[in-house]
Amino acid sequence: MSLETVAEDIRNEARERAEEIREDGEARAADILDEAEADADDILAAKESEIENEIEQEREQRLSSAKLEAKQKRLEARRDVLQEVRADVEERVGNLGGEDREELTRTLLDAAAEEFDSDDTITVYGRADDEELLTDVLADYDGFEYAGEVDCLGGVVVESEQSRLRVNNTFDSVLEDVWEDNLKEISSRLFEQ
């Protein structure tokens, strides 16, 4: 075997080895490219999913916010209506006149009188416009005297220094109690659903 033949065999072997390395490299490059494309697809899918989740969350937040705002506006409207109804009731009670006003004033005065001893000197305050009514009514009560005005819709504030007691039986206080006790029912009637 000549040197030339040996050299040719080595060259052929080197070419075959180079071809194997090149094929191996191309196969590895193809695998790396396939893996990179799969990773890119996974990353893209994950990002799309993340963005869809963010969009859904933002939609839900906006919807929730809109519902809350609508609920607050409904509550404000209901509160406004209740305030209007209350103002209307106060006006009607304040404008109550004649025998109805006298009868209600006497009832409130009788209820207050029960709180005092019979020998107490009792002073009675009322609405400025009711001074004449109160003076006439108090003529029927021993030891009671009109003492002046108090800011109210009507009724009486009765007190005695001996008993150190003050009873607020004004239309306002009665209305407040009735309003608080019946607010749920009033609201239900006004805003039946």
C-alpha atoms as a PDB file:
ATOM      1  CA  MET A   1       0.000   0.000   0.000  1.00  0.00           C
ATOM      2  CA  SER A   2       1.350   3.154  -1.017  1.00  0.00           C
ATOM      3  CA  LEU A   3       1.470   6.375   0.803  1.00  0.00           C
ATOM      4  CA  GLU A   4      -0.842   7.817  -1.722  1.00  0.00           C
ATOM      5  CA  THR A   5      -3.472   5.177  -0.984  1.00  0.00           C
ATOM      6  CA  VAL A   6      -3.143   5.681   2.747  1.00  0.00           C
ATOM      7  CA  ALA A   7      -3.527   9.410   2.312  1.00  0.00           C
ATOM      8  CA  GLU A   8      -6.579   8.842   0.134  1.00  0.00           C
ATOM      9  CA  ASP A   9      -8.091   6.500   2.737  1.00  0.00           C
ATOM     10  CA  ILE A  10      -7.510   9.092   5.470  1.00  0.00           C
ATOM     11  CA  ARG A  11      -9.060  11.805   3.334  1.00  0.00           C
ATOM     12  CA  ASN A  12     -12.073   9.617   2.582  1.00  0.00           C
ATOM     13  CA  GLU A  13     -12.394   8.782   6.238  1.00  0.00           C
ATOM     14  CA  ALA A  14     -12.100  12.481   7.135  1.00  0.00           C
ATOM     15  CA  ARG A  15     -14.757  13.345   4.544  1.00  0.00           C
ATOM     16  CA  GLU A  16     -17.078  10.698   5.908  1.00  0.00           C
ATOM     17  CA  ARG A  17     -16.439  11.899   9.418  1.00  0.00           C
ATOM     18  CA  ALA A  18     -16.985  15.506   8.345  1.00  0.00           C
ATOM     19  CA  GLU A  19     -20.236  14.459   6.627  1.00  0.00           C
ATOM     20  CA  GLU A  20     -21.356  12.650   9.800  1.00  0.00           C
ATOM     21  CA  ILE A  21     -20.482  15.707  11.922  1.00  0.00           C
ATOM     22  CA  ARG A  22     -22.302  17.987   9.453  1.00  0.00           C
ATOM     23  CA  GLU A  23     -25.398  15.733   9.419  1.00  0.00           C
ATOM     24  CA  ASP A  24     -25.227  15.422  13.176  1.00  0.00           C
ATOM     25  CA  GLY A  25     -24.925  19.228  13.463  1.00  0.00           C
ATOM     26  CA  GLU A  26     -27.840  19.784  11.085  1.00  0.00           C
ATOM     27  CA  ALA A  27     -29.945  17.289  13.054  1.00  0.00           C
ATOM     28  CA  ARG A  28     -29.025  19.014  16.315  1.00  0.00           C
ATOM     29  CA  ALA A  29     -29.740  22.421  14.772  1.00  0.00           C
ATOM     30  CA  ALA A  30     -33.116  21.150  13.544  1.00  0.00           C
ATOM     31  CA  ASP A  31     -33.872  19.765  17.043  1.00  0.00           C
ATOM     32  CA  ILE A  32     -32.820  23.058  18.650  1.00  0.00           C
ATOM     33  CA  LEU A  33     -34.931  24.983  16.120  1.00  0.00           C
ATOM     34  CA  ASP A  34     -37.936  22.705  16.744  1.00  0.00           C
ATOM     35  CA  GLU A  35     -37.478  23.071  20.495  1.00  0.00           C
ATOM     36  CA  ALA A  36     -37.142  26.862  20.182  1.00  0.00           C
ATOM     37  CA  GLU A  37     -40.296  27.007  18.022  1.00  0.00           C
ATOM     38  CA  ALA A  38     -42.162  24.838  20.560  1.00  0.00           C
ATOM     39  CA  ASP A  39     -40.913  27.088  23.380  1.00  0.00           C
ATOM     40  CA  ALA A  40     -41.971  30.155  21.404  1.00  0.00           C
ATOM     41  CA  ASP A  41     -45.424  28.620  20.842  1.00  0.00           C
ATOM     42  CA  ASP A  42     -45.681  27.826  24.577  1.00  0.00           C
ATOM     43  CA  ILE A  43     -44.583  31.362  25.513  1.00  0.00           C
ATOM     44  CA  LEU A  44     -47.051  32.833  23.002  1.00  0.00           C
ATOM     45  CA  ALA A  45     -49.884  30.658  24.326  1.00  0.00           C
ATOM     46  CA  ALA A  46     -49.005  31.571  27.920  1.00  0.00           C
ATOM     47  CA  LYS A  47     -48.921  35.294  27.067  1.00  0.00           C
ATOM     48  CA  GLU A  48     -52.239  35.039  25.208  1.00  0.00           C
ATOM     49  CA  SER A  49     -53.763  33.262  28.198  1.00  0.00           C
ATOM     50  CA  GLU A  50     -52.286  35.852  30.582  1.00  0.00           C
ATOM     51  CA  ILE A  51     -53.646  38.705  28.461  1.00  0.00           C
ATOM     52  CA  GLU A  52     -57.079  37.035  28.231  1.00  0.00           C
ATOM     53  CA  ASN A  53     -57.084  36.623  32.028  1.00  0.00           C
ATOM     54  CA  GLU A  54     -56.122  40.285  32.494  1.00  0.00           C
ATOM     55  CA  ILE A  55     -58.870  41.358  30.083  1.00  0.00           C
ATOM     56  CA  GLU A  56     -61.408  39.185  31.937  1.00  0.00           C
ATOM     57  CA  GLN A  57     -60.281  40.534  35.312  1.00  0.00           C
ATOM     58  CA  GLU A  58     -60.501  44.123  34.097  1.00  0.00           C
ATOM     59  CA  ARG A  59     -63.943  43.436  32.605  1.00  0.00           C
ATOM     60  CA  GLU A  60     -65.107  41.926  35.901  1.00  0.00           C
ATOM     61  CA  GLN A  61     -63.653  44.865  37.864  1.00  0.00           C
ATOM     62  CA  ARG A  62     -65.383  47.372  35.602  1.00  0.00           C
ATOM     63  CA  LEU A  63     -68.636  45.438  35.802  1.00  0.00           C
ATOM     64  CA  SER A  64     -68.338  45.223  39.578  1.00  0.00           C
ATOM     65  CA  SER A  65     -67.513  48.913  39.777  1.00  0.00           C
ATOM     66  CA  ALA A  66     -70.479  49.788  37.565  1.00  0.00           C
ATOM     67  CA  LYS A  67     -72.799  47.635  39.702  1.00  0.00           C
ATOM     68  CA  LEU A  68     -71.506  49.279  42.880  1.00  0.00           C
ATOM     69  CA  GLU A  69     -71.963  52.746  41.397  1.00  0.00           C
ATOM     70  CA  ALA A  70     -75.499  51.861  40.297  1.00  0.00           C
ATOM     71  CA  LYS A  71     -76.279  50.514  43.769  1.00  0.00           C
ATOM     72  CA  GLN A  72     -74.928  53.694  45.384  1.00  0.00           C
ATOM     73  CA  LYS A  73     -77.041  55.841  43.054  1.00  0.00           C
ATOM     74  CA  ARG A  74     -80.125  53.755  43.903  1.00  0.00           C
ATOM     75  CA  LEU A  75     -79.404  54.143  47.613  1.00  0.00           C
ATOM     76  CA  GLU A  76     -78.897  57.899  47.211  1.00  0.00           C
ATOM     77  CA  ALA A  77     -82.179  58.156  45.294  1.00  0.00           C
ATOM     78  CA  ARG A  78     -83.970  56.154  47.991  1.00  0.00           C
ATOM     79  CA  ARG A  79     -82.440  58.323  50.713  1.00  0.00           C
ATOM     80  CA  ASP A  80     -83.583  61.443  48.831  1.00  0.00           C
ATOM     81  CA  VAL A  81     -87.108  60.062  48.508  1.00  0.00           C
ATOM     82  CA  LEU A  82     -87.188  59.131  52.200  1.00  0.00           C
ATOM     83  CA  GLN A  83     -85.996  62.635  53.109  1.00  0.00           C
ATOM     84  CA  GLU A  84     -88.731  64.137  50.928  1.00  0.00           C
ATOM     85  CA  VAL A  85     -91.358  61.919  52.554  1.00  0.00           C
ATOM     86  CA  ARG A  86     -90.029  62.819  56.001  1.00  0.00           C
ATOM     87  CA  ALA A  87     -90.099  66.546  55.157  1.00  0.00           C
ATOM     88  CA  ASP A  88     -93.661  66.175  53.851  1.00  0.00           C
ATOM     89  CA  VAL A  89     -94.740  64.393  57.044  1.00  0.00           C
ATOM     90  CA  GLU A  90     -93.064  67.059  59.192  1.00  0.00           C
ATOM     91  CA  GLU A  91     -94.861  69.769  57.236  1.00  0.00           C
ATOM     92  CA  ARG A  92     -98.227  68.051  57.629  1.00  0.00           C
ATOM     93  CA  VAL A  93     -97.676  67.466  61.350  1.00  0.00           C
ATOM     94  CA  GLY A  94     -96.472  71.048  61.823  1.00  0.00           C
ATOM     95  CA  ASN A  95     -99.554  72.385  60.019  1.00  0.00           C
ATOM     96  CA  LEU A  96    -101.965  70.241  61.991  1.00  0.00           C
ATOM     97  CA  GLY A  97    -104.593  72.563  63.354  1.00  0.00           C
ATOM     98  CA  GLY A  98    -107.804  73.000  65.286  1.00  0.00           C
ATOM     99  CA  GLU A  99    -109.215  70.230  67.411  1.00  0.00           C
ATOM    100  CA  ASP A 100    -106.703  67.685  66.120  1.00  0.00           C
ATOM    101  CA  ARG A 101    -103.792  69.816  67.318  1.00  0.00           C
ATOM    102  CA  GLU A 102    -105.428  70.448  70.697  1.00  0.00           C
ATOM    103  CA  GLU A 103    -106.277  66.763  71.201  1.00  0.00           C
ATOM    104  CA  LEU A 104    -102.745  65.640  70.314  1.00  0.00           C
ATOM    105  CA  THR A 105    -101.228  68.351  72.561  1.00  0.00           C
ATOM    106  CA  ARG A 106    -103.434  67.251  75.489  1.00  0.00           C
ATOM    107  CA  THR A 107    -102.481  63.594  74.940  1.00  0.00           C
ATOM    108  CA  LEU A 108     -98.773  64.453  74.969  1.00  0.00           C
ATOM    109  CA  LEU A 109     -99.205  66.701  78.017  1.00  0.00           C
ATOM    110  CA  ASP A 110    -101.111  63.944  79.890  1.00  0.00           C
ATOM    111  CA  ALA A 111     -98.370  61.418  79.091  1.00  0.00           C
ATOM    112  CA  ALA A 112     -95.702  63.839  80.348  1.00  0.00           C
ATOM    113  CA  ALA A 113     -97.690  64.734  83.484  1.00  0.00           C
ATOM    114  CA  GLU A 114     -97.624  61.095  84.603  1.00  0.00           C
ATOM    115  CA  GLU A 115     -93.854  61.415  85.101  1.00  0.00           C
ATOM    116  CA  PHE A 116     -94.132  64.122  87.810  1.00  0.00           C
ATOM    117  CA  ASP A 117     -95.239  64.201  91.425  1.00  0.00           C
ATOM    118  CA  SER A 118     -98.554  65.929  92.072  1.00  0.00           C
ATOM    119  CA  ASP A 119     -96.974  68.640  94.248  1.00  0.00           C
ATOM    120  CA  ASP A 120     -94.319  69.631  91.652  1.00  0.00           C
ATOM    121  CA  THR A 121     -94.433  73.013  90.007  1.00  0.00           C
ATOM    122  CA  ILE A 122     -94.337  72.144  86.365  1.00  0.00           C
ATOM    123  CA  THR A 123     -93.269  74.392  83.512  1.00  0.00           C
ATOM    124  CA  VAL A 124     -94.334  73.734  79.960  1.00  0.00           C
ATOM    125  CA  TYR A 125     -92.647  74.871  76.768  1.00  0.00           C
ATOM    126  CA  GLY A 126     -94.094  74.667  73.285  1.00  0.00           C
ATOM    127  CA  ARG A 127     -93.992  76.034  69.792  1.00  0.00           C
ATOM    128  CA  ALA A 128     -94.269  79.820  69.654  1.00  0.00           C
ATOM    129  CA  ASP A 129     -97.409  79.622  67.480  1.00  0.00           C
ATOM    130  CA  ASP A 130     -99.036  77.351  70.093  1.00  0.00           C
ATOM    131  CA  GLU A 131     -98.728  79.764  73.034  1.00  0.00           C
ATOM    132  CA  GLU A 132    -102.459  80.584  73.077  1.00  0.00           C
ATOM    133  CA  LEU A 133    -103.410  76.904  72.714  1.00  0.00           C
ATOM    134  CA  LEU A 134    -101.028  75.869  75.506  1.00  0.00           C
ATOM    135  CA  THR A 135    -102.223  78.654  77.809  1.00  0.00           C
ATOM    136  CA  ASP A 136    -105.842  77.526  77.314  1.00  0.00           C
ATOM    137  CA  VAL A 137    -105.007  73.835  77.800  1.00  0.00           C
ATOM    138  CA  LEU A 138    -102.835  74.464  80.883  1.00  0.00           C
ATOM    139  CA  ALA A 139    -105.771  76.172  82.603  1.00  0.00           C
ATOM    140  CA  ASP A 140    -107.127  72.642  83.129  1.00  0.00           C
ATOM    141  CA  TYR A 141    -103.947  71.477  84.901  1.00  0.00           C
ATOM    142  CA  ASP A 142    -103.130  72.508  88.495  1.00  0.00           C
ATOM    143  CA  GLY A 143     -99.494  73.476  89.069  1.00  0.00           C
ATOM    144  CA  PHE A 144     -98.696  73.721  85.346  1.00  0.00           C
ATOM    145  CA  GLU A 145     -97.670  76.983  83.718  1.00  0.00           C
ATOM    146  CA  TYR A 146     -96.567  78.059  80.287  1.00  0.00           C
ATOM    147  CA  ALA A 147     -92.863  79.000  80.409  1.00  0.00           C
ATOM    148  CA  GLY A 148     -92.004  79.930  76.857  1.00  0.00           C
ATOM    149  CA  GLU A 149     -91.195  78.635  73.464  1.00  0.00           C
ATOM    150  CA  VAL A 150     -89.085  75.795  72.176  1.00  0.00           C
ATOM    151  CA  ASP A 151     -88.190  75.146  68.541  1.00  0.00           C
ATOM    152  CA  CYS A 152     -90.444  72.276  67.502  1.00  0.00           C
ATOM    153  CA  LEU A 153     -93.367  71.306  65.257  1.00  0.00           C
ATOM    154  CA  GLY A 154     -95.744  71.255  68.218  1.00  0.00           C
ATOM    155  CA  GLY A 155     -96.370  69.324  71.388  1.00  0.00           C
ATOM    156  CA  VAL A 156     -94.740  70.039  74.734  1.00  0.00           C
ATOM    157  CA  VAL A 157     -91.505  69.954  76.693  1.00  0.00           C
ATOM    158  CA  VAL A 158     -92.374  69.596  80.356  1.00  0.00           C
ATOM    159  CA  GLU A 159     -89.991  70.031  83.278  1.00  0.00           C
ATOM    160  CA  SER A 160     -89.890  70.425  87.002  1.00  0.00           C
ATOM    161  CA  GLU A 161     -87.067  71.770  89.121  1.00  0.00           C
ATOM    162  CA  GLN A 162     -88.214  69.749  92.133  1.00  0.00           C
ATOM    163  CA  SER A 163     -88.014  66.456  90.253  1.00  0.00           C
ATOM    164  CA  ARG A 164     -85.093  67.551  88.097  1.00  0.00           C
ATOM    165  CA  LEU A 165     -86.907  65.924  85.249  1.00  0.00           C
ATOM    166  CA  ARG A 166     -87.518  67.037  81.685  1.00  0.00           C
ATOM    167  CA  VAL A 167     -89.883  65.211  79.350  1.00  0.00           C
ATOM    168  CA  ASN A 168     -89.730  65.919  75.629  1.00  0.00           C
ATOM    169  CA  ASN A 169     -93.138  65.111  74.177  1.00  0.00           C
ATOM    170  CA  THR A 170     -92.915  67.253  71.090  1.00  0.00           C
ATOM    171  CA  PHE A 171     -94.378  66.248  67.756  1.00  0.00           C
ATOM    172  CA  ASP A 172     -90.769  66.077  66.585  1.00  0.00           C
ATOM    173  CA  SER A 173     -89.739  63.497  69.194  1.00  0.00           C
ATOM    174  CA  VAL A 174     -92.839  61.380  68.594  1.00  0.00           C
ATOM    175  CA  LEU A 175     -92.319  61.579  64.839  1.00  0.00           C
ATOM    176  CA  GLU A 176     -88.658  60.594  65.260  1.00  0.00           C
ATOM    177  CA  ASP A 177     -89.625  57.517  67.314  1.00  0.00           C
ATOM    178  CA  VAL A 178     -92.361  56.492  64.885  1.00  0.00           C
ATOM    179  CA  TRP A 179     -90.075  57.097  61.912  1.00  0.00           C
ATOM    180  CA  GLU A 180     -87.232  55.005  63.347  1.00  0.00           C
ATOM    181  CA  ASP A 181     -89.579  52.206  64.434  1.00  0.00           C
ATOM    182  CA  ASN A 182     -91.238  52.044  61.004  1.00  0.00           C
ATOM    183  CA  LEU A 183     -88.432  53.025  58.626  1.00  0.00           C
ATOM    184  CA  LYS A 184     -88.046  49.501  57.265  1.00  0.00           C
ATOM    185  CA  GLU A 185     -91.773  49.204  56.549  1.00  0.00           C
ATOM    186  CA  ILE A 186     -91.894  52.709  55.049  1.00  0.00           C
ATOM    187  CA  SER A 187     -88.948  51.848  52.818  1.00  0.00           C
ATOM    188  CA  SER A 188     -90.536  48.544  51.794  1.00  0.00           C
ATOM    189  CA  ARG A 189     -93.778  50.261  50.792  1.00  0.00           C
ATOM    190  CA  LEU A 190     -92.013  52.990  48.870  1.00  0.00           C
ATOM    191  CA  PHE A 191     -89.548  50.718  47.124  1.00  0.00           C
ATOM    192  CA  GLU A 192     -91.385  47.427  46.633  1.00  0.00           C
ATOM    193  CA  GLN A 193     -89.302  45.159  44.426  1.00  0.00           C
END
